[in-house]
PDB file of N, CA and C in Angstrom:
ATOM      1  N   MET A   1     -12.902   8.280  -9.074  1.00  0.00           N
ATOM      2  CA  MET A   1     -11.713   7.862  -8.365  1.00  0.00           C
ATOM      3  C   MET A   1     -11.957   6.498  -7.721  1.00  0.00           C
ATOM      4  N   TYR A   2     -10.874   5.878  -7.315  1.00  0.00           N
ATOM      5  CA  TYR A   2     -10.909   4.559  -6.702  1.00  0.00           C
ATOM      6  C   TYR A   2      -9.968   4.574  -5.502  1.00  0.00           C
ATOM      7  N   GLY A   3     -10.411   4.040  -4.383  1.00  0.00           N
ATOM      8  CA  GLY A   3      -9.587   4.019  -3.180  1.00  0.00           C
ATOM      9  C   GLY A   3      -9.535   2.648  -2.536  1.00  0.00           C
ATOM     10  N   ILE A   4      -8.448   2.417  -1.833  1.00  0.00           N
ATOM     11  CA  ILE A   4      -8.268   1.181  -1.067  1.00  0.00           C
ATOM     12  C   ILE A   4      -7.649   1.546   0.269  1.00  0.00           C
ATOM     13  N   LEU A   5      -8.180   0.948   1.324  1.00  0.00           N
ATOM     14  CA  LEU A   5      -7.594   1.048   2.658  1.00  0.00           C
ATOM     15  C   LEU A   5      -7.328  -0.381   3.102  1.00  0.00           C
ATOM     16  N   GLY A   6      -6.148  -0.631   3.630  1.00  0.00           N
ATOM     17  CA  GLY A   6      -5.854  -1.988   4.064  1.00  0.00           C
ATOM     18  C   GLY A   6      -4.809  -2.036   5.149  1.00  0.00           C
ATOM     19  N   LYS A   7      -4.893  -3.088   5.933  1.00  0.00           N
ATOM     20  CA  LYS A   7      -3.959  -3.310   7.030  1.00  0.00           C
ATOM     21  C   LYS A   7      -3.118  -4.540   6.712  1.00  0.00           C
ATOM     22  N   LEU A   8      -1.810  -4.410   6.880  1.00  0.00           N
ATOM     23  CA  LEU A   8      -0.883  -5.523   6.736  1.00  0.00           C
ATOM     24  C   LEU A   8      -0.203  -5.746   8.078  1.00  0.00           C
ATOM     25  N   THR A   9      -0.007  -6.981   8.417  1.00  0.00           N
ATOM     26  CA  THR A   9       0.749  -7.323   9.617  1.00  0.00           C
ATOM     27  C   THR A   9       1.998  -8.063   9.164  1.00  0.00           C
ATOM     28  N   THR A  10       3.142  -7.641   9.682  1.00  0.00           N
ATOM     29  CA  THR A  10       4.403  -8.278   9.307  1.00  0.00           C
ATOM     30  C   THR A  10       4.761  -9.359  10.321  1.00  0.00           C
ATOM     31  N   ILE A  11       5.727 -10.171   9.944  1.00  0.00           N
ATOM     32  CA  ILE A  11       6.247 -11.103  10.926  1.00  0.00           C
ATOM     33  C   ILE A  11       6.930 -10.261  12.006  1.00  0.00           C
ATOM     34  N   PRO A  12       6.978 -10.730  13.243  1.00  0.00           N
ATOM     35  CA  PRO A  12       7.472  -9.900  14.352  1.00  0.00           C
ATOM     36  C   PRO A  12       8.822  -9.240  14.070  1.00  0.00           C
ATOM     37  N   GLY A  13       8.851  -7.937  14.331  1.00  0.00           N
ATOM     38  CA  GLY A  13      10.079  -7.159  14.231  1.00  0.00           C
ATOM     39  C   GLY A  13      10.502  -6.741  12.845  1.00  0.00           C
ATOM     40  N   ARG A  14       9.699  -7.005  11.817  1.00  0.00           N
ATOM     41  CA  ARG A  14      10.110  -6.717  10.442  1.00  0.00           C
ATOM     42  C   ARG A  14       9.314  -5.582   9.791  1.00  0.00           C
ATOM     43  N   ARG A  15       8.503  -4.865  10.582  1.00  0.00           N
ATOM     44  CA  ARG A  15       7.647  -3.816  10.024  1.00  0.00           C
ATOM     45  C   ARG A  15       8.444  -2.743   9.288  1.00  0.00           C
ATOM     46  N   ASP A  16       9.483  -2.220   9.904  1.00  0.00           N
ATOM     47  CA  ASP A  16      10.231  -1.125   9.281  1.00  0.00           C
ATOM     48  C   ASP A  16      10.875  -1.559   7.967  1.00  0.00           C
ATOM     49  N   GLU A  17      11.292  -2.805   7.906  1.00  0.00           N
ATOM     50  CA  GLU A  17      11.885  -3.337   6.681  1.00  0.00           C
ATOM     51  C   GLU A  17      10.847  -3.369   5.547  1.00  0.00           C
ATOM     52  N   LEU A  18       9.638  -3.802   5.859  1.00  0.00           N
ATOM     53  CA  LEU A  18       8.588  -3.836   4.841  1.00  0.00           C
ATOM     54  C   LEU A  18       8.207  -2.416   4.414  1.00  0.00           C
ATOM     55  N   VAL A  19       8.112  -1.507   5.354  1.00  0.00           N
ATOM     56  CA  VAL A  19       7.792  -0.115   5.022  1.00  0.00           C
ATOM     57  C   VAL A  19       8.825   0.437   4.037  1.00  0.00           C
ATOM     58  N   ALA A  20      10.095   0.187   4.278  1.00  0.00           N
ATOM     59  CA  ALA A  20      11.153   0.681   3.392  1.00  0.00           C
ATOM     60  C   ALA A  20      11.010   0.094   1.985  1.00  0.00           C
ATOM     61  N   ILE A  21      10.686  -1.184   1.897  1.00  0.00           N
ATOM     62  CA  ILE A  21      10.505  -1.832   0.597  1.00  0.00           C
ATOM     63  C   ILE A  21       9.326  -1.210  -0.139  1.00  0.00           C
ATOM     64  N   LEU A  22       8.216  -1.012   0.557  1.00  0.00           N
ATOM     65  CA  LEU A  22       7.033  -0.432  -0.074  1.00  0.00           C
ATOM     66  C   LEU A  22       7.289   0.997  -0.538  1.00  0.00           C
ATOM     67  N   LEU A  23       7.962   1.776   0.266  1.00  0.00           N
ATOM     68  CA  LEU A  23       8.256   3.157  -0.113  1.00  0.00           C
ATOM     69  C   LEU A  23       9.185   3.217  -1.327  1.00  0.00           C
ATOM     70  N   GLU A  24      10.118   2.312  -1.379  1.00  0.00           N
ATOM     71  CA  GLU A  24      11.077   2.278  -2.482  1.00  0.00           C
ATOM     72  C   GLU A  24      10.426   1.838  -3.791  1.00  0.00           C
ATOM     73  N   GLY A  25       9.503   0.885  -3.725  1.00  0.00           N
ATOM     74  CA  GLY A  25       8.955   0.292  -4.939  1.00  0.00           C
ATOM     75  C   GLY A  25       7.689   0.912  -5.465  1.00  0.00           C
ATOM     76  N   THR A  26       7.195   1.947  -4.820  1.00  0.00           N
ATOM     77  CA  THR A  26       5.903   2.495  -5.229  1.00  0.00           C
ATOM     78  C   THR A  26       5.960   3.977  -5.562  1.00  0.00           C
ATOM     79  N   GLY A  27       7.096   4.453  -5.965  1.00  0.00           N
ATOM     80  CA  GLY A  27       7.257   5.883  -6.222  1.00  0.00           C
ATOM     81  C   GLY A  27       6.591   6.397  -7.486  1.00  0.00           C
ATOM     82  N   GLN A  28       6.716   5.681  -8.582  1.00  0.00           N
ATOM     83  CA  GLN A  28       6.201   6.150  -9.865  1.00  0.00           C
ATOM     84  C   GLN A  28       5.120   5.192 -10.365  1.00  0.00           C
ATOM     85  N   MET A  29       3.882   5.508 -10.039  1.00  0.00           N
ATOM     86  CA  MET A  29       2.768   4.670 -10.472  1.00  0.00           C
ATOM     87  C   MET A  29       1.750   5.558 -11.183  1.00  0.00           C
ATOM     88  N   PRO A  30       1.668   5.467 -12.511  1.00  0.00           N
ATOM     89  CA  PRO A  30       0.716   6.302 -13.258  1.00  0.00           C
ATOM     90  C   PRO A  30      -0.713   6.126 -12.743  1.00  0.00           C
ATOM     91  N   GLY A  31      -1.386   7.247 -12.531  1.00  0.00           N
ATOM     92  CA  GLY A  31      -2.761   7.220 -12.054  1.00  0.00           C
ATOM     93  C   GLY A  31      -2.906   7.232 -10.548  1.00  0.00           C
ATOM     94  N   CYS A  32      -1.792   7.090  -9.832  1.00  0.00           N
ATOM     95  CA  CYS A  32      -1.841   7.102  -8.365  1.00  0.00           C
ATOM     96  C   CYS A  32      -1.844   8.548  -7.875  1.00  0.00           C
ATOM     97  N   LEU A  33      -2.899   8.909  -7.180  1.00  0.00           N
ATOM     98  CA  LEU A  33      -3.024  10.263  -6.651  1.00  0.00           C
ATOM     99  C   LEU A  33      -2.493  10.365  -5.230  1.00  0.00           C
ATOM    100  N   SER A  34      -2.507   9.242  -4.518  1.00  0.00           N
ATOM    101  CA  SER A  34      -2.032   9.232  -3.142  1.00  0.00           C
ATOM    102  C   SER A  34      -1.731   7.793  -2.728  1.00  0.00           C
ATOM    103  N   TYR A  35      -0.579   7.583  -2.075  1.00  0.00           N
ATOM    104  CA  TYR A  35      -0.196   6.272  -1.561  1.00  0.00           C
ATOM    105  C   TYR A  35       0.472   6.533  -0.215  1.00  0.00           C
ATOM    106  N   ILE A  36      -0.258   6.284   0.840  1.00  0.00           N
ATOM    107  CA  ILE A  36       0.207   6.610   2.190  1.00  0.00           C
ATOM    108  C   ILE A  36       0.419   5.331   2.983  1.00  0.00           C
ATOM    109  N   ILE A  37       1.583   5.204   3.576  1.00  0.00           N
ATOM    110  CA  ILE A  37       1.881   4.092   4.472  1.00  0.00           C
ATOM    111  C   ILE A  37       1.969   4.675   5.870  1.00  0.00           C
ATOM    112  N   ALA A  38       1.221   4.095   6.795  1.00  0.00           N
ATOM    113  CA  ALA A  38       1.181   4.604   8.173  1.00  0.00           C
ATOM    114  C   ALA A  38       1.421   3.453   9.148  1.00  0.00           C
ATOM    115  N   LEU A  39       2.137   3.755  10.218  1.00  0.00           N
ATOM    116  CA  LEU A  39       2.374   2.770  11.272  1.00  0.00           C
ATOM    117  C   LEU A  39       1.171   2.712  12.195  1.00  0.00           C
ATOM    118  N   ASP A  40       0.759   1.510  12.554  1.00  0.00           N
ATOM    119  CA  ASP A  40      -0.332   1.326  13.509  1.00  0.00           C
ATOM    120  C   ASP A  40       0.208   1.668  14.898  1.00  0.00           C
ATOM    121  N   THR A  41      -0.529   2.471  15.655  1.00  0.00           N
ATOM    122  CA  THR A  41      -0.042   2.896  16.974  1.00  0.00           C
ATOM    123  C   THR A  41      -0.300   1.873  18.069  1.00  0.00           C
ATOM    124  N   SER A  42      -1.144   0.877  17.809  1.00  0.00           N
ATOM    125  CA  SER A  42      -1.440  -0.100  18.860  1.00  0.00           C
ATOM    126  C   SER A  42      -0.880  -1.492  18.582  1.00  0.00           C
ATOM    127  N   GLU A  43      -0.381  -1.724  17.364  1.00  0.00           N
ATOM    128  CA  GLU A  43       0.208  -3.018  17.015  1.00  0.00           C
ATOM    129  C   GLU A  43       1.584  -2.778  16.401  1.00  0.00           C
ATOM    130  N   ALA A  44       2.599  -3.246  17.080  1.00  0.00           N
ATOM    131  CA  ALA A  44       3.982  -2.975  16.673  1.00  0.00           C
ATOM    132  C   ALA A  44       4.352  -3.539  15.304  1.00  0.00           C
ATOM    133  N   ASP A  45       3.634  -4.532  14.840  1.00  0.00           N
ATOM    134  CA  ASP A  45       3.980  -5.157  13.569  1.00  0.00           C
ATOM    135  C   ASP A  45       2.961  -4.875  12.460  1.00  0.00           C
ATOM    136  N   ALA A  46       2.123  -3.863  12.645  1.00  0.00           N
ATOM    137  CA  ALA A  46       1.075  -3.576  11.667  1.00  0.00           C
ATOM    138  C   ALA A  46       1.284  -2.227  10.984  1.00  0.00           C
ATOM    139  N   ILE A  47       0.899  -2.193   9.713  1.00  0.00           N
ATOM    140  CA  ILE A  47       0.898  -0.947   8.950  1.00  0.00           C
ATOM    141  C   ILE A  47      -0.443  -0.820   8.227  1.00  0.00           C
ATOM    142  N   TRP A  48      -0.796   0.410   7.919  1.00  0.00           N
ATOM    143  CA  TRP A  48      -2.004   0.717   7.145  1.00  0.00           C
ATOM    144  C   TRP A  48      -1.563   1.363   5.846  1.00  0.00           C
ATOM    145  N   ILE A  49      -2.199   0.974   4.751  1.00  0.00           N
ATOM    146  CA  ILE A  49      -1.920   1.581   3.457  1.00  0.00           C
ATOM    147  C   ILE A  49      -3.221   2.192   2.939  1.00  0.00           C
ATOM    148  N   THR A  50      -3.140   3.469   2.584  1.00  0.00           N
ATOM    149  CA  THR A  50      -4.283   4.188   2.028  1.00  0.00           C
ATOM    150  C   THR A  50      -3.900   4.619   0.621  1.00  0.00           C
ATOM    151  N   GLU A  51      -4.681   4.188  -0.357  1.00  0.00           N
ATOM    152  CA  GLU A  51      -4.389   4.491  -1.756  1.00  0.00           C
ATOM    153  C   GLU A  51      -5.563   5.232  -2.391  1.00  0.00           C
ATOM    154  N   VAL A  52      -5.246   6.202  -3.244  1.00  0.00           N
ATOM    155  CA  VAL A  52      -6.254   6.862  -4.068  1.00  0.00           C
ATOM    156  C   VAL A  52      -5.728   6.854  -5.503  1.00  0.00           C
ATOM    157  N   TRP A  53      -6.576   6.374  -6.392  1.00  0.00           N
ATOM    158  CA  TRP A  53      -6.240   6.248  -7.810  1.00  0.00           C
ATOM    159  C   TRP A  53      -7.243   7.018  -8.651  1.00  0.00           C
ATOM    160  N   ASP A  54      -6.831   7.396  -9.851  1.00  0.00           N
ATOM    161  CA  ASP A  54      -7.774   8.063 -10.748  1.00  0.00           C
ATOM    162  C   ASP A  54      -8.895   7.112 -11.157  1.00  0.00           C
ATOM    163  N   ASN A  55      -8.594   5.808 -11.230  1.00  0.00           N
ATOM    164  CA  ASN A  55      -9.627   4.801 -11.508  1.00  0.00           C
ATOM    165  C   ASN A  55      -9.112   3.409 -11.144  1.00  0.00           C
ATOM    166  N   LYS A  56      -9.999   2.457 -11.123  1.00  0.00           N
ATOM    167  CA  LYS A  56      -9.661   1.083 -10.730  1.00  0.00           C
ATOM    168  C   LYS A  56      -8.674   0.440 -11.715  1.00  0.00           C
ATOM    169  N   GLU A  57      -8.785   0.793 -12.972  1.00  0.00           N
ATOM    170  CA  GLU A  57      -7.901   0.229 -13.987  1.00  0.00           C
ATOM    171  C   GLU A  57      -6.445   0.638 -13.771  1.00  0.00           C
ATOM    172  N   SER A  58      -6.221   1.873 -13.342  1.00  0.00           N
ATOM    173  CA  SER A  58      -4.851   2.323 -13.055  1.00  0.00           C
ATOM    174  C   SER A  58      -4.251   1.517 -11.915  1.00  0.00           C
ATOM    175  N   HIS A  59      -5.060   1.229 -10.901  1.00  0.00           N
ATOM    176  CA  HIS A  59      -4.574   0.403  -9.799  1.00  0.00           C
ATOM    177  C   HIS A  59      -4.183  -0.982 -10.307  1.00  0.00           C
ATOM    178  N   ALA A  60      -5.051  -1.593 -11.103  1.00  0.00           N
ATOM    179  CA  ALA A  60      -4.760  -2.925 -11.638  1.00  0.00           C
ATOM    180  C   ALA A  60      -3.490  -2.905 -12.495  1.00  0.00           C
ATOM    181  N   ALA A  61      -3.325  -1.871 -13.303  1.00  0.00           N
ATOM    182  CA  ALA A  61      -2.136  -1.754 -14.153  1.00  0.00           C
ATOM    183  C   ALA A  61      -0.870  -1.591 -13.318  1.00  0.00           C
ATOM    184  N   SER A  62      -0.975  -0.925 -12.175  1.00  0.00           N
ATOM    185  CA  SER A  62       0.210  -0.704 -11.334  1.00  0.00           C
ATOM    186  C   SER A  62       0.795  -2.013 -10.816  1.00  0.00           C
ATOM    187  N   LEU A  63      -0.046  -3.005 -10.641  1.00  0.00           N
ATOM    188  CA  LEU A  63       0.423  -4.288 -10.121  1.00  0.00           C
ATOM    189  C   LEU A  63       1.311  -5.024 -11.117  1.00  0.00           C
ATOM    190  N   LYS A  64       1.338  -4.553 -12.364  1.00  0.00           N
ATOM    191  CA  LYS A  64       2.170  -5.163 -13.407  1.00  0.00           C
ATOM    192  C   LYS A  64       3.477  -4.405 -13.630  1.00  0.00           C
ATOM    193  N   LEU A  65       3.631  -3.256 -12.986  1.00  0.00           N
ATOM    194  CA  LEU A  65       4.860  -2.472 -13.149  1.00  0.00           C
ATOM    195  C   LEU A  65       6.049  -3.221 -12.564  1.00  0.00           C
ATOM    196  N   PRO A  66       7.214  -3.192 -13.236  1.00  0.00           N
ATOM    197  CA  PRO A  66       8.390  -3.893 -12.718  1.00  0.00           C
ATOM    198  C   PRO A  66       8.766  -3.482 -11.293  1.00  0.00           C
ATOM    199  N   SER A  67       8.696  -2.197 -10.976  1.00  0.00           N
ATOM    200  CA  SER A  67       9.075  -1.750  -9.629  1.00  0.00           C
ATOM    201  C   SER A  67       8.118  -2.295  -8.570  1.00  0.00           C
ATOM    202  N   VAL A  68       6.840  -2.373  -8.892  1.00  0.00           N
ATOM    203  CA  VAL A  68       5.854  -2.907  -7.954  1.00  0.00           C
ATOM    204  C   VAL A  68       6.023  -4.421  -7.833  1.00  0.00           C
ATOM    205  N   GLN A  69       6.255  -5.095  -8.950  1.00  0.00           N
ATOM    206  CA  GLN A  69       6.494  -6.542  -8.916  1.00  0.00           C
ATOM    207  C   GLN A  69       7.724  -6.872  -8.063  1.00  0.00           C
ATOM    208  N   GLN A  70       8.768  -6.067  -8.187  1.00  0.00           N
ATOM    209  CA  GLN A  70       9.984  -6.283  -7.390  1.00  0.00           C
ATOM    210  C   GLN A  70       9.707  -6.062  -5.910  1.00  0.00           C
ATOM    211  N   ALA A  71       8.937  -5.024  -5.582  1.00  0.00           N
ATOM    212  CA  ALA A  71       8.605  -4.756  -4.182  1.00  0.00           C
ATOM    213  C   ALA A  71       7.777  -5.895  -3.603  1.00  0.00           C
ATOM    214  N   ILE A  72       6.826  -6.410  -4.374  1.00  0.00           N
ATOM    215  CA  ILE A  72       6.004  -7.528  -3.918  1.00  0.00           C
ATOM    216  C   ILE A  72       6.885  -8.745  -3.657  1.00  0.00           C
ATOM    217  N   ALA A  73       7.762  -9.059  -4.597  1.00  0.00           N
ATOM    218  CA  ALA A  73       8.639 -10.223  -4.444  1.00  0.00           C
ATOM    219  C   ALA A  73       9.571 -10.069  -3.235  1.00  0.00           C
ATOM    220  N   LYS A  74      10.104  -8.890  -3.066  1.00  0.00           N
ATOM    221  CA  LYS A  74      11.044  -8.631  -1.974  1.00  0.00           C
ATOM    222  C   LYS A  74      10.351  -8.627  -0.608  1.00  0.00           C
ATOM    223  N   GLY A  75       9.121  -8.119  -0.542  1.00  0.00           N
ATOM    224  CA  GLY A  75       8.438  -7.971   0.736  1.00  0.00           C
ATOM    225  C   GLY A  75       7.534  -9.114   1.139  1.00  0.00           C
ATOM    226  N   ARG A  76       7.184  -9.977   0.202  1.00  0.00           N
ATOM    227  CA  ARG A  76       6.213 -11.050   0.458  1.00  0.00           C
ATOM    228  C   ARG A  76       6.558 -11.878   1.702  1.00  0.00           C
ATOM    229  N   SER A  77       7.816 -12.229   1.875  1.00  0.00           N
ATOM    230  CA  SER A  77       8.202 -13.092   3.001  1.00  0.00           C
ATOM    231  C   SER A  77       8.116 -12.379   4.352  1.00  0.00           C
ATOM    232  N   LEU A  78       7.956 -11.064   4.339  1.00  0.00           N
ATOM    233  CA  LEU A  78       7.866 -10.298   5.587  1.00  0.00           C
ATOM    234  C   LEU A  78       6.431 -10.142   6.076  1.00  0.00           C
ATOM    235  N   ILE A  79       5.463 -10.502   5.238  1.00  0.00           N
ATOM    236  CA  ILE A  79       4.046 -10.290   5.552  1.00  0.00           C
ATOM    237  C   ILE A  79       3.462 -11.519   6.232  1.00  0.00           C
ATOM    238  N   ALA A  80       2.884 -11.296   7.415  1.00  0.00           N
ATOM    239  CA  ALA A  80       2.221 -12.374   8.152  1.00  0.00           C
ATOM    240  C   ALA A  80       0.743 -12.464   7.767  1.00  0.00           C
ATOM    241  N   GLY A  81       0.143 -11.328   7.372  1.00  0.00           N
ATOM    242  CA  GLY A  81      -1.266 -11.379   6.997  1.00  0.00           C
ATOM    243  C   GLY A  81      -1.814 -10.038   6.571  1.00  0.00           C
ATOM    244  N   PHE A  82      -3.001 -10.101   5.978  1.00  0.00           N
ATOM    245  CA  PHE A  82      -3.742  -8.932   5.524  1.00  0.00           C
ATOM    246  C   PHE A  82      -5.086  -8.911   6.250  1.00  0.00           C
ATOM    247  N   SER A  83      -5.591  -7.720   6.522  1.00  0.00           N
ATOM    248  CA  SER A  83      -6.923  -7.616   7.117  1.00  0.00           C
ATOM    249  C   SER A  83      -7.503  -6.233   6.842  1.00  0.00           C
ATOM    250  N   ASN A  84      -8.764  -6.067   7.158  1.00  0.00           N
ATOM    251  CA  ASN A  84      -9.439  -4.772   7.071  1.00  0.00           C
ATOM    252  C   ASN A  84      -9.325  -4.103   5.701  1.00  0.00           C
ATOM    253  N   ARG A  85      -9.328  -4.863   4.626  1.00  0.00           N
ATOM    254  CA  ARG A  85      -9.239  -4.271   3.286  1.00  0.00           C
ATOM    255  C   ARG A  85     -10.627  -3.817   2.845  1.00  0.00           C
ATOM    256  N   VAL A  86     -10.698  -2.558   2.462  1.00  0.00           N
ATOM    257  CA  VAL A  86     -11.958  -2.021   1.942  1.00  0.00           C
ATOM    258  C   VAL A  86     -11.672  -1.182   0.693  1.00  0.00           C
ATOM    259  N   GLU A  87     -12.614  -1.208  -0.227  1.00  0.00           N
ATOM    260  CA  GLU A  87     -12.541  -0.357  -1.403  1.00  0.00           C
ATOM    261  C   GLU A  87     -13.452   0.838  -1.164  1.00  0.00           C
ATOM    262  N   THR A  88     -13.038   2.001  -1.645  1.00  0.00           N
ATOM    263  CA  THR A  88     -13.810   3.220  -1.456  1.00  0.00           C
ATOM    264  C   THR A  88     -13.911   3.994  -2.765  1.00  0.00           C
ATOM    265  N   ILE A  89     -14.771   4.986  -2.760  1.00  0.00           N
ATOM    266  CA  ILE A  89     -14.865   5.949  -3.861  1.00  0.00           C
ATOM    267  C   ILE A  89     -14.544   7.319  -3.273  1.00  0.00           C
ATOM    268  N   PRO A  90     -13.274   7.736  -3.355  1.00  0.00           N
ATOM    269  CA  PRO A  90     -12.915   9.045  -2.828  1.00  0.00           C
ATOM    270  C   PRO A  90     -13.691  10.155  -3.568  1.00  0.00           C
ATOM    271  N   VAL A  91     -14.116  11.149  -2.824  1.00  0.00           N
ATOM    272  CA  VAL A  91     -14.875  12.241  -3.437  1.00  0.00           C
ATOM    273  C   VAL A  91     -14.156  13.586  -3.318  1.00  0.00           C
ATOM    274  N   GLY A  92     -13.042  13.630  -2.600  1.00  0.00           N
ATOM    275  CA  GLY A  92     -12.288  14.869  -2.499  1.00  0.00           C
ATOM    276  C   GLY A  92     -11.750  15.068  -1.101  1.00  0.00           C
ATOM    277  N   GLY A  93     -11.136  16.204  -0.897  1.00  0.00           N
ATOM    278  CA  GLY A  93     -10.549  16.537   0.399  1.00  0.00           C
ATOM    279  C   GLY A  93      -9.149  17.077   0.216  1.00  0.00           C
ATOM    280  N   GLN A  94      -8.541  17.466   1.290  1.00  0.00           N
ATOM    281  CA  GLN A  94      -7.196  18.020   1.255  1.00  0.00           C
ATOM    282  C   GLN A  94      -6.230  16.984   0.683  1.00  0.00           C
ATOM    283  N   GLY A  95      -5.434  17.399  -0.258  1.00  0.00           N
ATOM    284  CA  GLY A  95      -4.460  16.505  -0.858  1.00  0.00           C
ATOM    285  C   GLY A  95      -4.928  15.873  -2.169  1.00  0.00           C
ATOM    286  N   LEU A  96      -6.192  16.035  -2.493  1.00  0.00           N
ATOM    287  CA  LEU A  96      -6.676  15.474  -3.761  1.00  0.00           C
ATOM    288  C   LEU A  96      -7.063  16.592  -4.706  1.00  0.00           C
TER     289      LEU A  96
END
């Protein structure tokens, strides 16, 4: 398996708009076992994304899907920055 954890910060006041775009554009991604968007409790404009994929290649392929490309294009202007990105090797747990 392949995992990614990352933090995105939106331009002030636009977090909920970006969350809606991400939720809408990431519904059907082959190989995606889990895609969780969470609100940061200490930063009003930050979100965390936790992804689990069957493999790294499936993640790379997802970035070429029309729905994901549309979400990226639509949400790009709302993103102020990225931080805390780490790759992981999920080994199991509830939900997998």
